[in-house]
Protein backbone atom coordinates (compact mmCIF):
# COMPACT_ATOMS: atom_id res chain seq x y z
CA MET A 1 32.48 -42.09 -26.96
CA ASN A 2 34.50 -39.26 -28.49
CA ASP A 3 36.41 -37.01 -26.04
CA ASP A 4 37.34 -34.29 -28.62
CA ARG A 5 36.25 -30.78 -27.85
CA ASP A 6 33.94 -28.92 -30.20
CA PRO A 7 35.73 -25.75 -31.31
CA ILE A 8 32.52 -23.77 -31.69
CA LEU A 9 31.37 -24.63 -28.16
CA THR A 10 34.84 -23.88 -26.74
CA ARG A 11 34.82 -20.43 -28.38
CA ILE A 12 31.31 -19.69 -27.09
CA PHE A 13 32.23 -20.65 -23.53
CA ALA A 14 35.44 -18.59 -23.72
CA GLU A 15 33.46 -15.54 -24.79
CA GLN A 16 31.02 -16.03 -21.93
CA ASN A 17 33.80 -16.26 -19.34
CA SER A 18 35.74 -13.26 -20.58
CA PRO A 19 35.57 -10.25 -18.24
CA VAL A 20 33.34 -7.37 -19.31
CA ASP A 21 34.76 -3.93 -19.87
CA GLY A 22 34.08 -1.62 -16.85
CA SER A 23 32.39 1.15 -18.84
CA GLU A 24 30.27 -1.33 -20.75
CA PHE A 25 29.21 -3.01 -17.47
CA ALA A 26 28.35 0.30 -15.88
CA ALA A 27 26.31 1.39 -18.94
CA ARG A 28 24.47 -1.96 -18.96
CA VAL A 29 23.70 -1.69 -15.22
CA ALA A 30 22.50 1.91 -15.64
CA LEU A 31 20.26 0.86 -18.55
CA MET A 32 18.81 -2.01 -16.51
CA MET A 33 18.17 0.26 -13.49
CA ASP A 34 16.53 2.87 -15.73
CA ARG A 35 14.23 0.14 -17.25
CA ASP A 36 13.26 -1.10 -13.77
CA LEU A 37 12.53 2.47 -12.62
CA ARG A 38 10.34 3.07 -15.70
CA SER A 39 8.40 -0.15 -15.11
CA ALA A 40 7.93 0.66 -11.45
CA ARG A 41 6.73 4.18 -12.31
CA SER A 42 4.28 2.85 -14.88
CA TYR A 43 3.00 0.25 -12.33
CA ARG A 44 2.45 3.01 -9.75
CA ILE A 45 0.63 5.20 -12.29
CA GLY A 46 -1.56 2.27 -13.25
CA MET A 47 -2.42 1.54 -9.62
CA ILE A 48 -3.26 5.22 -8.99
CA ILE A 49 -5.59 5.28 -12.01
CA ALA A 50 -7.22 2.01 -10.92
CA VAL A 51 -7.81 3.36 -7.36
CA LEU A 52 -9.30 6.59 -8.80
CA VAL A 53 -11.67 4.63 -11.01
CA VAL A 54 -12.80 2.44 -8.14
CA ALA A 55 -13.16 5.43 -5.83
CA SER A 56 -15.23 7.34 -8.38
CA LEU A 57 -17.48 4.33 -8.84
CA LEU A 58 -17.96 3.88 -5.07
CA ALA A 59 -18.36 7.59 -4.20
CA PRO A 60 -22.19 7.80 -4.55
CA TRP A 61 -22.74 4.64 -2.49
CA LEU A 62 -20.28 5.86 0.17
CA ALA A 63 -21.96 9.25 0.37
CA GLN A 64 -25.31 7.54 0.90
CA VAL A 65 -23.96 5.27 3.63
CA CYS A 66 -22.31 8.22 5.37
CA ALA A 67 -25.48 10.26 5.27
CA LEU A 68 -27.37 7.28 6.77
CA ALA A 69 -24.74 6.88 9.48
CA VAL A 70 -24.80 10.56 10.40
CA GLY A 71 -28.59 10.53 10.56
CA SER A 72 -28.48 7.49 12.85
CA VAL A 73 -25.95 9.11 15.15
CA VAL A 74 -28.00 12.32 15.37
CA ALA A 75 -31.16 10.31 16.13
CA GLY A 76 -29.29 8.30 18.79
CA LEU A 77 -27.86 11.44 20.39
CA SER A 78 -31.24 13.06 20.52
CA THR A 79 -32.75 10.08 22.38
CA THR A 80 -29.85 9.84 24.90
CA ARG A 81 -29.85 13.55 25.77
CA ALA A 82 -31.86 12.83 28.95
CA LEU A 83 -29.32 10.17 29.98
CA SER A 84 -26.40 12.61 29.86
CA SER A 85 -27.34 14.07 33.19
CA PHE A 86 -26.64 10.79 35.02
CA PRO A 87 -23.09 10.30 36.39
CA LEU A 88 -23.22 6.58 35.58
CA ALA A 89 -23.79 7.43 31.86
CA TRP A 90 -20.73 9.69 31.91
CA LEU A 91 -18.71 6.92 33.54
CA ALA A 92 -19.74 4.46 30.84
CA LEU A 93 -18.95 7.01 28.10
CA CYS A 94 -15.49 7.70 29.56
CA SER A 95 -14.73 3.98 29.79
CA ILE A 96 -15.72 3.41 26.22
CA VAL A 97 -13.59 6.33 24.99
CA GLY A 98 -10.75 5.18 27.25
CA SER A 99 -10.76 1.70 25.78
CA PHE A 100 -9.95 3.20 22.38
CA LEU A 101 -7.03 5.32 23.59
CA PRO A 102 -4.28 2.63 23.16
CA ALA A 103 -5.41 2.00 19.58
CA ILE A 104 -5.50 5.72 18.86
CA HIS A 105 -2.04 6.17 20.38
CA LEU A 106 -0.58 3.29 18.38
CA GLY A 107 -2.22 4.54 15.20
CA ILE A 108 -0.80 8.02 15.67
CA THR A 109 2.71 6.88 16.47
CA ARG A 110 2.61 4.15 13.80
CA ARG A 111 3.95 1.45 16.12
CA TRP A 112 1.61 -1.35 14.99
């Protein structure tokens, strides 16, 4: 086996290990950061466009579901109007609303 060094490989390794000039390094870092910011910006714009397309496709279905839900709630409230005069019904309603208060508080304060 030959232990002689290859002069071309030695020169290439020497060039790789040489320190980079400060201004050249700063310019290269600034260029890389600008490229990363541009790619992140384009990714965000693409995601916003995708969400808008999906939302526009789902809007008619969502409006129909919301109208059905509102109609059901109105029908349910009209049938329970007679029950609202009972104190036990008010107690049940307050306990149901009270059970959601911790979740509402955590949602408002963003402490999930």
